[in-house]
Amino acid sequence: MTRYTRHLGGVAYTFDGLVELLAKATPLRSGDELAGCAAETDAERAAAQWALAEVSLTEFLRDPVVPYETDEITRLIIDTHDRVAFQPISHLTVGGLRDWLLAVAAGEHGTSPAHTLRAVAPGLTPEMVAAVSKIMRNQDLIAVARAAEVSAAFRSTIGLPGRLGTRLQPNHPTDDPRGIAAAVLDGLLLGCGDAVIGINPATDSPRATAELLRLLDEVRERFDIPTQSCVLSHVTTTIGLIESGAPVDLVFQSVAGTEGANSGFGVNLSLLREGNEAGRSLRRGTVGDNVMYLETGQGSALSAGAHLGTGSRPVDQQTLEARAYAVCRELDPLLVNTVVGFIGPEYLYDGKQIIRAGLEDHFCGKLLGLPMGVDVCYTNHAEADQDDMDTLLTLLGTAGVAFVIAVPGADDVMLGYQSLSFHDALYARRVLGLRPAPEFESWLAGLGMLDASGRILPVRPTASPLRALAGA
């Protein structure tokens, strides 16, 4: 195990191995304090960041954060690493990678920044991108993420430059079809739902899930909406529904960055690949065949007690979150989003920590080649409020986030947390000059719901072609 020592202010700070160095270099967050791996002082954190900046990228290939022998995610990361894509940056340190990324984003390499970042993505490991994010300012994370372009498609195309997609989330505490239909109508009239219309079901019952799938599919077909639907049930439930002939568009699953944490979700790589193949076998997409919808969140491995790495040391939650993106990348998904503040203040204490984590997650996901979205959210017992969410939404829109999640009134009455409203998505599109997915935008225009500048028009429900939805 390599020991790293840096002197700062007359004090020698020593870090035993990459696991401890990564943890101590992480910007302050409550989850790492809970796990006992956070830096004890700002000076120790600065020393760790200084030491981390001088670590060679090749060291992450030689010294896995989680043991290769005991973790299938580590094996996936190492075994699928693209040495050819890595070659142009293989000589760099973590600090050198930061400088290189910022130079690429600024156009100093003479080629398209998006093309350059896309080419190097298979050569980057999650630990490398987590490490470089720890020594970057917020503006660095935004600048590089904006330069990266990652798209995917099913019935609509997600992640194109200048576009901001939305998941319309019509959750209901009892899965009442009328309540869900009302929320769907509300979102569609405000131009939301181009990424997916996705319900978190109140139960994982296959029968109830099938009924919700049929409801959403009927609405989509009735109004010829170029989007995809999803009921966020467990992947095994969805595979069974596919086999029974249910109208499944996307296959959903929550995933994490260690084999143990995924076991807590009841999944492994083999099962996730089976779900991906089952979804694609239906061939329901019209402009693409990306069928997976995956959710992640900092703190999930810690909450499952599956956060220990090499030497049985706790791995910081942001590095483990980045490792979850290796799982996502393997499945070639349509949608990936971090539910950034959903797990609670035990992991991200306040608005400052949530904002920082959202920018980190988005940066790491896009750099690894994912169509990355964010659920800009917080729980009611966190030290955060809607002003913090406005700030994060605006920063993510500037950074080129693929999609965000929106619920009626920003208040999810089923899951009991605060997210974004449909109006928040309109705000972000308007002030940042962003538009919906092109297929969905054309559909809105065909209904007469857009003005000449592409802005959603105020709609009189009695005059809207969608008025019949209210009685669905």
Protein backbone atom coordinates (compact mmCIF):
# COMPACT_ATOMS: atom_id res chain seq x y z
CA MET A 1 0.00 0.00 0.00
CA THR A 2 1.42 3.36 -1.03
CA ARG A 3 1.64 6.02 1.68
CA TYR A 4 1.26 9.65 0.69
CA THR A 5 2.73 12.44 2.81
CA ARG A 6 2.44 16.20 2.38
CA HIS A 7 3.66 18.99 4.62
CA LEU A 8 1.38 21.95 5.09
CA GLY A 9 1.78 24.74 7.60
CA GLY A 10 4.60 22.91 9.32
CA VAL A 11 2.51 19.75 9.81
CA ALA A 12 3.11 16.43 8.06
CA TYR A 13 -0.09 14.77 6.84
CA THR A 14 0.14 11.09 5.92
CA PHE A 15 -2.50 9.09 4.04
CA ASP A 16 -2.39 5.29 3.91
CA GLY A 17 -3.33 4.26 0.38
CA LEU A 18 -5.65 5.60 -2.30
CA VAL A 19 -8.83 4.81 -0.36
CA GLU A 20 -7.89 7.12 2.50
CA LEU A 21 -6.38 9.75 0.21
CA LEU A 22 -9.54 9.97 -1.92
CA ALA A 23 -11.73 10.20 1.17
CA LYS A 24 -9.67 12.90 2.87
CA ALA A 25 -9.51 14.94 -0.36
CA THR A 26 -13.29 15.02 -0.74
CA PRO A 27 -15.12 18.30 -0.12
CA LEU A 28 -16.91 18.15 3.23
CA ARG A 29 -20.09 16.10 3.42
CA SER A 30 -22.00 14.55 6.28
CA GLY A 31 -21.97 11.01 4.84
CA ASP A 32 -18.19 10.79 4.96
CA GLU A 33 -18.25 12.11 8.53
CA LEU A 34 -20.79 9.41 9.37
CA ALA A 35 -18.55 6.77 7.78
CA GLY A 36 -15.52 8.08 9.70
CA CYS A 37 -13.41 8.75 6.61
CA ALA A 38 -13.69 12.55 6.19
CA ALA A 39 -10.78 14.92 6.70
CA GLU A 40 -10.75 16.22 10.27
CA THR A 41 -9.69 19.75 9.30
CA ASP A 42 -9.61 21.98 6.26
CA ALA A 43 -5.84 21.83 6.37
CA GLU A 44 -5.86 18.03 6.20
CA ARG A 45 -8.29 18.20 3.27
CA ALA A 46 -6.04 20.66 1.44
CA ALA A 47 -2.99 18.45 2.03
CA ALA A 48 -4.89 15.44 0.71
CA GLN A 49 -6.01 17.33 -2.40
CA TRP A 50 -2.42 18.42 -3.00
CA ALA A 51 -1.19 14.85 -2.66
CA LEU A 52 -4.01 13.52 -4.84
CA ALA A 53 -3.17 15.98 -7.61
CA GLU A 54 0.28 14.36 -7.91
CA VAL A 55 -0.99 10.76 -8.20
CA SER A 56 -0.47 9.16 -11.60
CA LEU A 57 -3.61 8.01 -13.41
CA THR A 58 -2.01 4.61 -13.96
CA GLU A 59 -1.96 4.12 -10.18
CA PHE A 60 -5.75 3.72 -10.21
CA LEU A 61 -5.34 0.71 -12.49
CA ARG A 62 -2.71 -0.87 -10.23
CA ASP A 63 -4.40 -0.18 -6.89
CA PRO A 64 -8.18 -0.79 -6.99
CA VAL A 65 -10.24 1.09 -4.42
CA VAL A 66 -12.39 -2.02 -3.87
CA PRO A 67 -10.62 -5.40 -4.23
CA TYR A 68 -10.76 -7.03 -7.65
CA GLU A 69 -11.15 -10.51 -6.18
CA THR A 70 -14.27 -9.75 -4.16
CA ASP A 71 -16.20 -7.19 -6.19
CA GLU A 72 -17.70 -7.65 -9.65
CA ILE A 73 -17.92 -3.87 -10.21
CA THR A 74 -14.15 -3.60 -9.81
CA ARG A 75 -13.72 -6.50 -12.22
CA LEU A 76 -16.02 -4.76 -14.70
CA ILE A 77 -14.02 -1.52 -14.41
CA ILE A 78 -10.62 -3.17 -14.86
CA ASP A 79 -11.59 -5.79 -17.44
CA THR A 80 -13.39 -3.34 -19.76
CA HIS A 81 -10.84 -0.53 -19.48
CA ASP A 82 -9.90 0.66 -22.98
CA ARG A 83 -6.12 1.03 -23.05
CA VAL A 84 -6.16 2.56 -26.53
CA ALA A 85 -8.56 5.33 -25.48
CA PHE A 86 -6.48 5.84 -22.33
CA GLN A 87 -3.17 6.19 -24.16
CA PRO A 88 -3.38 9.98 -24.91
CA ILE A 89 -3.74 10.76 -21.17
CA SER A 90 -1.85 7.80 -19.66
CA HIS A 91 1.15 9.98 -18.77
CA LEU A 92 -0.91 12.42 -16.70
CA THR A 93 -1.38 12.85 -13.00
CA VAL A 94 -4.76 13.72 -11.48
CA GLY A 95 -3.75 17.38 -11.51
CA GLY A 96 -2.55 17.02 -15.08
CA LEU A 97 -5.91 15.52 -16.04
CA ARG A 98 -7.66 18.55 -14.57
CA ASP A 99 -5.49 20.88 -16.64
CA TRP A 100 -6.03 18.78 -19.76
CA LEU A 101 -9.81 18.69 -19.31
CA LEU A 102 -10.02 22.44 -18.86
CA ALA A 103 -7.84 22.99 -21.92
CA VAL A 104 -10.06 20.67 -23.98
CA ALA A 105 -13.19 22.46 -22.76
CA ALA A 106 -11.63 25.79 -23.74
CA GLY A 107 -10.93 24.49 -27.26
CA GLU A 108 -7.15 24.65 -26.92
CA HIS A 109 -6.58 21.22 -28.49
CA GLY A 110 -7.81 22.32 -31.90
CA THR A 111 -10.46 19.62 -32.29
CA SER A 112 -14.06 19.49 -31.16
CA PRO A 113 -14.12 19.33 -27.33
CA ALA A 114 -17.10 16.98 -27.48
CA HIS A 115 -15.29 14.64 -29.88
CA THR A 116 -12.12 14.64 -27.78
CA LEU A 117 -13.98 13.89 -24.56
CA ARG A 118 -16.09 11.22 -26.22
CA ALA A 119 -12.96 9.49 -27.54
CA VAL A 120 -11.21 9.42 -24.17
CA ALA A 121 -14.28 8.33 -22.13
CA PRO A 122 -13.68 4.53 -22.45
CA GLY A 123 -10.16 5.07 -21.12
CA LEU A 124 -11.32 6.77 -17.95
CA THR A 125 -12.23 4.79 -14.86
CA PRO A 126 -14.75 6.02 -12.29
CA GLU A 127 -11.99 6.42 -9.71
CA MET A 128 -10.03 8.67 -12.07
CA VAL A 129 -12.96 10.99 -12.71
CA ALA A 130 -13.93 10.99 -9.03
CA ALA A 131 -10.36 11.93 -8.13
CA VAL A 132 -10.12 14.80 -10.58
CA SER A 133 -13.52 16.14 -9.52
CA LYS A 134 -12.23 16.45 -5.93
CA ILE A 135 -9.64 19.04 -6.95
CA MET A 136 -11.95 21.03 -9.24
CA ARG A 137 -13.96 24.12 -8.40
CA ASN A 138 -17.65 24.24 -9.23
CA GLN A 139 -16.98 26.31 -12.33
CA ASP A 140 -14.46 23.69 -13.51
CA LEU A 141 -17.08 20.95 -13.16
CA ILE A 142 -19.58 23.05 -15.11
CA ALA A 143 -17.18 24.03 -17.89
CA VAL A 144 -15.99 20.49 -18.61
CA ALA A 145 -19.44 18.91 -18.30
CA ARG A 146 -20.85 21.46 -20.74
CA ALA A 147 -18.15 20.55 -23.27
CA ALA A 148 -19.05 16.85 -23.08
CA GLU A 149 -21.97 15.77 -25.27
CA VAL A 150 -23.69 12.43 -24.72
CA SER A 151 -26.98 11.46 -26.32
CA ALA A 152 -29.28 8.42 -26.35
CA ALA A 153 -32.64 7.71 -27.94
CA PHE A 154 -35.82 5.64 -27.77
CA ARG A 155 -38.87 7.59 -29.02
CA SER A 156 -37.20 10.89 -28.21
CA THR A 157 -33.54 11.87 -28.27
CA ILE A 158 -31.99 12.76 -24.93
CA GLY A 159 -28.84 14.80 -24.25
CA LEU A 160 -28.49 16.84 -27.42
CA PRO A 161 -26.75 20.24 -27.07
CA GLY A 162 -29.13 23.09 -26.36
CA ARG A 163 -31.83 20.77 -25.04
CA LEU A 164 -33.16 20.17 -21.55
CA GLY A 165 -35.33 17.10 -21.11
CA THR A 166 -37.71 16.41 -18.24
CA ARG A 167 -39.04 13.37 -16.51
CA LEU A 168 -42.72 13.94 -15.78
CA GLN A 169 -43.21 12.23 -12.40
CA PRO A 170 -46.95 11.79 -11.69
CA ASN A 171 -46.64 9.82 -8.44
CA HIS A 172 -49.72 9.18 -6.32
CA PRO A 173 -49.89 7.74 -2.76
CA THR A 174 -52.46 5.10 -3.80
CA ASP A 175 -51.68 4.85 -7.52
CA ASP A 176 -55.11 6.36 -8.22
CA PRO A 177 -55.49 6.52 -12.05
CA ARG A 178 -57.39 9.81 -11.83
CA GLY A 179 -54.69 11.45 -9.74
CA ILE A 180 -51.97 10.17 -12.04
CA ALA A 181 -53.87 11.31 -15.15
CA ALA A 182 -54.32 14.78 -13.66
CA ALA A 183 -50.60 15.07 -12.95
CA VAL A 184 -49.75 13.83 -16.46
CA LEU A 185 -52.10 16.41 -17.97
CA ASP A 186 -50.56 19.15 -15.83
CA GLY A 187 -47.06 18.25 -16.94
CA LEU A 188 -47.86 17.87 -20.64
CA LEU A 189 -49.64 21.23 -20.76
CA LEU A 190 -46.45 22.78 -19.37
CA GLY A 191 -44.21 21.08 -21.93
CA CYS A 192 -42.76 18.38 -19.66
CA GLY A 193 -42.34 14.65 -20.21
CA ASP A 194 -39.96 14.45 -23.17
CA ALA A 195 -37.40 12.29 -21.32
CA VAL A 196 -39.96 9.94 -19.79
CA ILE A 197 -43.30 9.82 -18.04
CA GLY A 198 -42.21 7.79 -15.05
CA ILE A 199 -44.19 6.63 -12.03
CA ASN A 200 -42.77 5.44 -8.73
CA PRO A 201 -45.44 2.87 -7.83
CA ALA A 202 -46.84 2.69 -4.31
CA THR A 203 -46.36 -1.08 -4.49
CA ASP A 204 -44.11 -3.42 -6.48
CA SER A 205 -47.04 -5.73 -7.22
CA PRO A 206 -46.77 -7.04 -10.80
CA ARG A 207 -50.53 -6.64 -11.26
CA ALA A 208 -50.53 -3.00 -10.09
CA THR A 209 -47.42 -2.25 -12.14
CA ALA A 210 -49.04 -3.72 -15.26
CA GLU A 211 -52.14 -1.57 -14.74
CA LEU A 212 -50.01 1.57 -14.50
CA LEU A 213 -48.06 0.59 -17.60
CA ARG A 214 -51.29 0.16 -19.55
CA LEU A 215 -52.57 3.52 -18.32
CA LEU A 216 -49.46 5.36 -19.48
CA ASP A 217 -49.31 3.48 -22.75
CA GLU A 218 -52.94 4.29 -23.50
CA VAL A 219 -52.31 7.99 -22.89
CA ARG A 220 -49.17 7.96 -25.03
CA GLU A 221 -50.82 6.16 -27.92
CA ARG A 222 -54.05 8.14 -27.73
CA PHE A 223 -52.22 11.43 -28.19
CA ASP A 224 -49.31 10.05 -30.23
CA ILE A 225 -46.77 11.45 -27.77
CA PRO A 226 -43.13 10.90 -28.82
CA THR A 227 -41.85 9.91 -25.41
CA GLN A 228 -41.42 6.78 -23.33
CA SER A 229 -43.17 5.56 -20.22
CA CYS A 230 -41.76 3.74 -17.22
CA VAL A 231 -43.09 2.32 -13.98
CA LEU A 232 -40.11 2.18 -11.66
CA SER A 233 -40.54 -1.35 -10.36
CA HIS A 234 -37.74 -3.81 -9.61
CA VAL A 235 -36.00 -5.19 -12.69
CA THR A 236 -37.22 -8.72 -11.92
CA THR A 237 -40.82 -7.45 -11.88
CA THR A 238 -40.29 -5.73 -15.21
CA ILE A 239 -38.71 -8.81 -16.82
CA GLY A 240 -41.73 -10.85 -15.75
CA LEU A 241 -44.09 -8.24 -17.19
CA ILE A 242 -42.20 -8.25 -20.48
CA GLU A 243 -42.62 -12.01 -20.64
CA SER A 244 -46.37 -11.64 -19.99
CA GLY A 245 -46.81 -9.10 -22.80
CA ALA A 246 -47.15 -5.86 -20.82
CA PRO A 247 -46.38 -2.62 -22.75
CA VAL A 248 -42.92 -1.98 -21.29
CA ASP A 249 -40.84 0.82 -22.78
CA LEU A 250 -37.98 1.28 -20.31
CA VAL A 251 -36.47 -1.14 -17.80
CA PHE A 252 -35.73 0.60 -14.52
CA GLN A 253 -33.39 -0.21 -11.65
CA SER A 254 -31.56 1.56 -8.85
CA VAL A 255 -27.86 0.69 -8.88
CA ALA A 256 -24.82 1.37 -6.71
CA GLY A 257 -21.03 1.24 -6.86
CA THR A 258 -20.21 -2.01 -5.06
CA GLU A 259 -21.30 -5.59 -5.49
CA GLY A 260 -22.56 -5.63 -1.91
CA ALA A 261 -24.70 -2.52 -2.34
CA ASN A 262 -26.22 -3.90 -5.53
CA SER A 263 -26.96 -7.13 -3.70
CA GLY A 264 -28.92 -5.00 -1.26
CA PHE A 265 -31.00 -3.82 -4.22
CA GLY A 266 -31.47 -7.47 -5.24
CA VAL A 267 -29.47 -7.18 -8.46
CA ASN A 268 -26.16 -8.10 -10.03
CA LEU A 269 -24.59 -7.43 -13.42
CA SER A 270 -25.97 -10.61 -14.96
CA LEU A 271 -29.54 -9.74 -13.98
CA LEU A 272 -29.18 -6.16 -15.24
CA ARG A 273 -27.88 -7.39 -18.58
CA GLU A 274 -30.85 -9.76 -18.77
CA GLY A 275 -33.21 -6.84 -18.18
CA ASN A 276 -31.50 -4.82 -20.91
CA GLU A 277 -31.82 -7.66 -23.40
CA ALA A 278 -35.46 -8.24 -22.47
CA GLY A 279 -36.34 -4.59 -22.99
CA ARG A 280 -34.58 -4.41 -26.34
CA SER A 281 -36.27 -7.58 -27.54
CA LEU A 282 -39.61 -5.72 -27.67
CA ARG A 283 -38.28 -3.25 -30.26
CA ARG A 284 -40.68 -0.52 -29.15
CA GLY A 285 -38.33 2.38 -29.83
CA THR A 286 -38.72 4.49 -32.95
CA VAL A 287 -35.53 6.59 -33.09
CA GLY A 288 -33.26 4.42 -30.94
CA ASP A 289 -32.99 1.26 -28.83
CA ASN A 290 -31.65 2.51 -25.49
CA VAL A 291 -34.05 0.95 -22.99
CA MET A 292 -32.50 1.17 -19.52
CA TYR A 293 -33.41 3.79 -16.93
CA LEU A 294 -30.99 3.76 -13.98
CA GLU A 295 -30.98 5.76 -10.76
CA THR A 296 -28.12 6.31 -8.34
CA GLY A 297 -27.37 8.48 -5.31
CA GLN A 298 -24.47 9.36 -3.07
CA GLY A 299 -24.72 7.43 0.17
CA SER A 300 -26.50 4.35 -1.12
CA ALA A 301 -23.56 2.03 -0.46
CA LEU A 302 -23.02 3.47 3.01
CA SER A 303 -26.70 3.09 3.88
CA ALA A 304 -26.44 -0.58 2.86
CA GLY A 305 -23.28 -1.13 4.92
CA ALA A 306 -21.46 -2.02 1.69
CA HIS A 307 -18.98 0.86 1.49
CA LEU A 308 -15.72 -0.77 2.62
CA GLY A 309 -12.82 -0.99 0.21
CA THR A 310 -9.22 -2.18 0.15
CA GLY A 311 -7.90 -2.82 3.63
CA SER A 312 -11.48 -2.72 4.95
CA ARG A 313 -11.29 1.06 4.91
CA PRO A 314 -14.46 3.08 4.23
CA VAL A 315 -14.58 4.47 0.69
CA ASP A 316 -15.97 7.98 0.39
CA GLN A 317 -19.50 8.19 -0.95
CA GLN A 318 -18.68 10.27 -4.02
CA THR A 319 -16.10 7.77 -5.30
CA LEU A 320 -18.60 4.94 -4.78
CA GLU A 321 -21.22 6.99 -6.64
CA ALA A 322 -18.87 7.35 -9.60
CA ARG A 323 -18.34 3.57 -9.57
CA ALA A 324 -22.10 3.14 -10.00
CA TYR A 325 -21.67 4.87 -13.36
CA ALA A 326 -19.51 1.96 -14.51
CA VAL A 327 -22.57 -0.24 -14.03
CA CYS A 328 -24.68 2.26 -15.96
CA ARG A 329 -22.15 2.56 -18.79
CA GLU A 330 -22.16 -1.22 -19.24
CA LEU A 331 -25.91 -1.13 -19.98
CA ASP A 332 -25.94 1.64 -22.62
CA PRO A 333 -28.92 3.38 -21.00
CA LEU A 334 -31.39 5.96 -22.24
CA LEU A 335 -31.51 7.72 -18.88
CA VAL A 336 -29.31 7.91 -15.80
CA ASN A 337 -29.97 10.25 -12.92
CA THR A 338 -28.60 10.77 -9.46
CA VAL A 339 -31.33 11.49 -6.91
CA VAL A 340 -28.89 13.87 -5.36
CA GLY A 341 -30.56 14.95 -2.11
CA PHE A 342 -33.11 12.16 -1.72
CA ILE A 343 -31.37 9.92 0.80
CA GLY A 344 -31.24 12.68 3.41
CA PRO A 345 -29.04 14.97 5.50
CA GLU A 346 -27.15 12.03 6.99
CA TYR A 347 -25.33 11.91 3.65
CA LEU A 348 -25.66 15.46 2.25
CA TYR A 349 -26.41 17.79 5.11
CA ASP A 350 -27.37 21.11 3.54
CA GLY A 351 -27.91 23.03 0.34
CA LYS A 352 -24.18 23.65 -0.17
CA GLN A 353 -23.37 19.94 0.01
CA ILE A 354 -26.30 19.02 -2.24
CA ILE A 355 -25.29 21.59 -4.87
CA ARG A 356 -21.70 20.40 -4.87
CA ALA A 357 -22.72 16.74 -5.08
CA GLY A 358 -25.11 17.42 -7.96
CA LEU A 359 -22.37 19.10 -9.98
CA GLU A 360 -19.89 16.31 -9.16
CA ASP A 361 -22.30 13.54 -10.14
CA HIS A 362 -23.26 15.24 -13.38
CA PHE A 363 -19.63 15.89 -14.30
CA CYS A 364 -18.52 12.32 -13.54
CA GLY A 365 -21.45 10.76 -15.38
CA LYS A 366 -21.00 12.80 -18.55
CA LEU A 367 -17.23 12.35 -18.56
CA LEU A 368 -17.75 8.57 -18.40
CA GLY A 369 -20.08 8.76 -21.42
CA LEU A 370 -23.57 8.74 -19.86
CA PRO A 371 -26.69 10.75 -20.81
CA MET A 372 -26.72 12.20 -17.31
CA GLY A 373 -29.68 13.69 -15.52
CA VAL A 374 -30.23 14.89 -11.96
CA ASP A 375 -33.18 14.77 -9.62
CA VAL A 376 -32.66 18.21 -8.09
CA CYS A 377 -34.16 17.44 -4.70
CA TYR A 378 -33.98 17.45 -0.93
CA THR A 379 -35.83 15.95 2.01
CA ASN A 380 -37.82 18.07 4.41
CA HIS A 381 -35.43 17.46 7.30
CA ALA A 382 -32.36 18.64 5.38
CA GLU A 383 -30.88 22.10 5.84
CA ALA A 384 -31.92 23.09 2.32
CA ASP A 385 -34.78 24.87 0.60
CA GLN A 386 -36.17 25.61 -2.85
CA ASP A 387 -33.74 28.51 -3.35
CA ASP A 388 -30.92 25.95 -3.21
CA MET A 389 -32.73 23.88 -5.82
CA ASP A 390 -33.13 26.95 -8.05
CA THR A 391 -29.39 27.48 -7.83
CA LEU A 392 -28.54 23.86 -8.63
CA LEU A 393 -31.04 23.72 -11.51
CA THR A 394 -29.54 26.86 -13.06
CA LEU A 395 -25.99 25.56 -12.69
CA LEU A 396 -26.89 22.17 -14.16
CA GLY A 397 -28.71 23.76 -17.08
CA THR A 398 -25.57 25.78 -17.77
CA ALA A 399 -23.51 22.58 -17.50
CA GLY A 400 -25.63 20.82 -20.14
CA VAL A 401 -27.59 18.36 -17.99
CA ALA A 402 -29.58 15.92 -20.14
CA PHE A 403 -32.77 16.02 -18.07
CA VAL A 404 -34.24 16.86 -14.70
CA ILE A 405 -37.22 15.48 -12.80
CA ALA A 406 -40.40 17.52 -12.30
CA VAL A 407 -43.46 16.87 -10.13
CA PRO A 408 -46.64 18.88 -9.56
CA GLY A 409 -45.82 21.85 -7.37
CA ALA A 410 -42.29 20.51 -6.69
CA ASP A 411 -43.78 18.39 -3.88
CA ASP A 412 -43.84 14.62 -4.32
CA VAL A 413 -46.74 13.63 -2.09
CA MET A 414 -46.05 9.92 -2.49
CA LEU A 415 -42.29 9.81 -1.80
CA GLY A 416 -42.41 12.72 0.64
CA TYR A 417 -39.57 14.86 -0.71
CA GLN A 418 -39.11 18.14 -2.59
CA SER A 419 -38.00 18.15 -6.21
CA LEU A 420 -38.65 20.58 -9.09
CA SER A 421 -41.96 21.73 -10.51
CA PHE A 422 -43.05 21.79 -14.13
CA HIS A 423 -42.75 25.60 -13.97
CA ASP A 424 -39.12 25.26 -12.84
CA ALA A 425 -38.33 23.42 -16.06
CA LEU A 426 -39.96 26.21 -18.08
CA TYR A 427 -37.86 28.75 -16.18
CA ALA A 428 -34.61 26.92 -16.94
CA ARG A 429 -35.42 26.50 -20.61
CA ARG A 430 -36.40 30.15 -20.94
CA VAL A 431 -33.52 31.87 -19.17
CA LEU A 432 -30.85 29.51 -20.55
CA GLY A 433 -32.20 29.29 -24.09
CA LEU A 434 -32.84 25.54 -23.90
CA ARG A 435 -35.51 23.49 -25.69
CA PRO A 436 -37.21 20.11 -25.24
CA ALA A 437 -36.14 16.98 -27.12
CA PRO A 438 -36.64 17.61 -30.86
CA GLU A 439 -39.32 14.96 -31.40
CA PHE A 440 -41.31 16.23 -28.41
CA GLU A 441 -40.86 19.84 -29.47
CA SER A 442 -42.32 19.02 -32.89
CA TRP A 443 -45.27 17.35 -31.19
CA LEU A 444 -45.90 20.40 -29.03
CA ALA A 445 -45.71 22.63 -32.10
CA GLY A 446 -48.19 20.42 -33.93
CA LEU A 447 -50.66 20.93 -31.08
CA GLY A 448 -50.25 24.70 -31.30
CA MET A 449 -48.67 24.85 -27.85
CA LEU A 450 -45.56 26.82 -28.84
CA ASP A 451 -45.13 30.43 -29.91
CA ALA A 452 -42.73 31.54 -32.64
CA SER A 453 -39.77 31.49 -30.22
CA GLY A 454 -40.57 27.97 -28.99
CA ARG A 455 -42.04 29.15 -25.70
CA ILE A 456 -44.94 27.19 -24.19
CA LEU A 457 -48.16 29.13 -24.68
CA PRO A 458 -50.73 29.59 -21.93
CA VAL A 459 -53.30 26.91 -22.75
CA ARG A 460 -57.06 27.13 -22.23
CA PRO A 461 -57.93 23.55 -21.19
CA THR A 462 -61.25 23.69 -23.04
CA ALA A 463 -59.41 24.46 -26.27
CA SER A 464 -56.56 22.00 -25.89
CA PRO A 465 -56.45 18.71 -27.79
CA LEU A 466 -55.33 17.22 -24.47
CA ARG A 467 -58.56 18.14 -22.66
CA ALA A 468 -59.86 14.57 -22.99
CA LEU A 469 -56.98 13.38 -20.83
CA ALA A 470 -58.70 14.87 -17.79
CA GLY A 471 -61.33 12.16 -18.06
CA ALA A 472 -58.88 9.30 -18.75
